[in-house]
Amino acid sequence: MKRIIVFVVLVLGVVFAALVALTYRNTEIPRSECVLAKGIVSDISTGGVNDIVFELESKQHVFYINRGVEHGFDVEALEKQLLAEEVTIYYADGWTPFAPFGSKAKHIREIRNGNWIVYSEF
């Protein structure tokens, strides 16, 4: 009986480790494998855990800089610079076990306004 319990715990541990690895894989995707989105910024706010959230006109997704407040971004300053401006966003669009059918929120890997790189993880 002890062997069965040890085996089950071991299998569950391996499955959990695999799920965690799949989740963090999204943050290491190179620019060449990211999805490109362009649009006019219609709203900037905070959300999640200190995330900076961008909404673009005519887009069904919202885009976020993970822990953007902790990176020194200020919503009011970003609104002055980017609201109603066209931006280019590279985002990770990989599968994750925590959102197996997709998510409306997309993790920004890079955001640009013209030639100005607002934020980049590359």
Protein backbone atom coordinates (compact mmCIF):
# COMPACT_ATOMS: atom_id res chain seq x y z
CA MET A 1 0.00 0.00 0.00
CA LYS A 2 2.87 2.41 0.80
CA ARG A 3 4.37 1.80 -2.65
CA ILE A 4 1.10 2.75 -4.33
CA ILE A 5 0.86 5.98 -2.31
CA VAL A 6 4.50 6.86 -3.09
CA PHE A 7 3.91 6.12 -6.79
CA VAL A 8 0.76 8.29 -6.92
CA VAL A 9 2.50 11.17 -5.13
CA LEU A 10 5.46 10.88 -7.52
CA VAL A 11 3.22 10.91 -10.60
CA LEU A 12 1.25 13.90 -9.30
CA GLY A 13 4.52 15.74 -8.61
CA VAL A 14 5.76 15.15 -12.16
CA VAL A 15 2.43 16.28 -13.64
CA PHE A 16 2.46 19.45 -11.50
CA ALA A 17 6.06 20.23 -12.51
CA ALA A 18 5.17 19.79 -16.19
CA LEU A 19 2.19 22.15 -15.86
CA VAL A 20 4.34 24.80 -14.19
CA ALA A 21 6.98 24.46 -16.92
CA LEU A 22 4.34 24.88 -19.65
CA THR A 23 2.98 27.97 -17.94
CA TYR A 24 6.32 29.78 -17.72
CA ARG A 25 7.28 28.89 -21.28
CA ASN A 26 5.15 31.83 -22.52
CA THR A 27 7.51 34.38 -20.98
CA GLU A 28 10.51 33.07 -22.91
CA ILE A 29 9.11 33.19 -26.44
CA PRO A 30 11.42 35.09 -28.84
CA ARG A 31 10.10 38.00 -30.94
CA SER A 32 10.08 35.81 -34.07
CA GLU A 33 7.46 33.53 -32.47
CA CYS A 34 5.27 36.30 -30.99
CA VAL A 35 2.02 37.56 -32.46
CA LEU A 36 1.96 41.14 -33.76
CA ALA A 37 -0.96 43.46 -33.02
CA LYS A 38 -1.32 47.07 -34.13
CA GLY A 39 -3.97 49.52 -33.05
CA ILE A 40 -5.00 52.77 -31.45
CA VAL A 41 -4.82 52.81 -27.63
CA SER A 42 -8.33 53.40 -26.26
CA ASP A 43 -7.68 52.80 -22.54
CA ILE A 44 -4.82 52.23 -20.10
CA SER A 45 -5.42 51.00 -16.56
CA THR A 46 -4.03 48.81 -13.80
CA GLY A 47 -5.20 45.25 -13.25
CA GLY A 48 -4.14 41.90 -11.92
CA VAL A 49 -1.15 42.14 -9.61
CA ASN A 50 0.35 45.54 -10.49
CA ASP A 51 -0.14 44.93 -14.22
CA ILE A 52 -0.52 47.77 -16.74
CA VAL A 53 -3.43 46.94 -19.04
CA PHE A 54 -3.86 48.35 -22.56
CA GLU A 55 -7.02 48.22 -24.64
CA LEU A 56 -6.86 48.87 -28.37
CA GLU A 57 -9.73 50.03 -30.56
CA SER A 58 -11.30 47.22 -32.59
CA LYS A 59 -9.43 44.46 -30.75
CA GLN A 60 -11.13 41.70 -28.79
CA HIS A 61 -8.13 41.19 -26.50
CA VAL A 62 -6.61 43.30 -23.76
CA PHE A 63 -2.84 43.41 -23.45
CA TYR A 64 -0.84 43.73 -20.25
CA ILE A 65 2.68 44.44 -19.04
CA ASN A 66 3.16 41.91 -16.29
CA ARG A 67 3.86 43.74 -13.01
CA GLY A 68 4.23 46.97 -14.97
CA VAL A 69 3.77 49.16 -11.88
CA GLU A 70 6.75 47.41 -10.30
CA HIS A 71 8.76 48.20 -13.47
CA GLY A 72 8.15 51.90 -12.80
CA PHE A 73 5.26 52.56 -15.19
CA ASP A 74 2.63 55.12 -14.24
CA VAL A 75 -0.84 54.93 -15.78
CA GLU A 76 -1.29 58.72 -15.94
CA ALA A 77 2.06 59.25 -17.67
CA LEU A 78 1.33 56.45 -20.15
CA GLU A 79 -2.10 57.94 -20.89
CA LYS A 80 -0.51 61.30 -21.73
CA GLN A 81 1.97 59.63 -24.07
CA LEU A 82 -0.04 56.82 -25.65
CA LEU A 83 -3.79 57.41 -25.40
CA ALA A 84 -5.26 57.73 -28.92
CA GLU A 85 -1.85 56.85 -30.40
CA GLU A 86 -1.07 53.89 -32.65
CA VAL A 87 1.10 51.22 -31.02
CA THR A 88 2.66 47.97 -32.12
CA ILE A 89 2.51 45.09 -29.64
CA TYR A 90 4.31 41.79 -29.73
CA TYR A 91 2.61 39.31 -27.43
CA ALA A 92 2.99 35.71 -26.36
CA ASP A 93 0.06 33.59 -27.48
CA GLY A 94 0.98 30.16 -26.22
CA TRP A 95 -1.19 27.51 -24.62
CA THR A 96 -1.25 27.37 -20.84
CA PRO A 97 -2.89 24.80 -18.56
CA PHE A 98 -4.42 27.61 -16.49
CA ALA A 99 -6.35 28.88 -19.54
CA PRO A 100 -6.64 25.84 -21.82
CA PHE A 101 -9.21 27.48 -24.13
CA GLY A 102 -7.34 30.77 -24.46
CA SER A 103 -7.48 34.03 -22.59
CA LYS A 104 -8.71 37.50 -23.46
CA ALA A 105 -5.64 39.00 -21.73
CA LYS A 106 -2.38 38.74 -23.67
CA HIS A 107 1.09 39.14 -22.14
CA ILE A 108 3.02 41.98 -23.81
CA ARG A 109 6.58 41.06 -24.72
CA GLU A 110 7.18 44.42 -26.43
CA ILE A 111 5.19 47.59 -27.09
CA ARG A 112 6.27 50.38 -29.43
CA ASN A 113 4.96 53.76 -30.44
CA GLY A 114 6.62 54.52 -33.77
CA ASN A 115 10.35 54.04 -33.21
CA TRP A 116 10.03 54.50 -29.44
CA ILE A 117 10.21 51.21 -27.51
CA VAL A 118 7.90 51.75 -24.54
CA TYR A 119 8.65 48.35 -22.99
CA SER A 120 10.54 45.26 -24.07
CA GLU A 121 11.38 41.87 -22.58
CA PHE A 122 13.69 40.96 -25.46
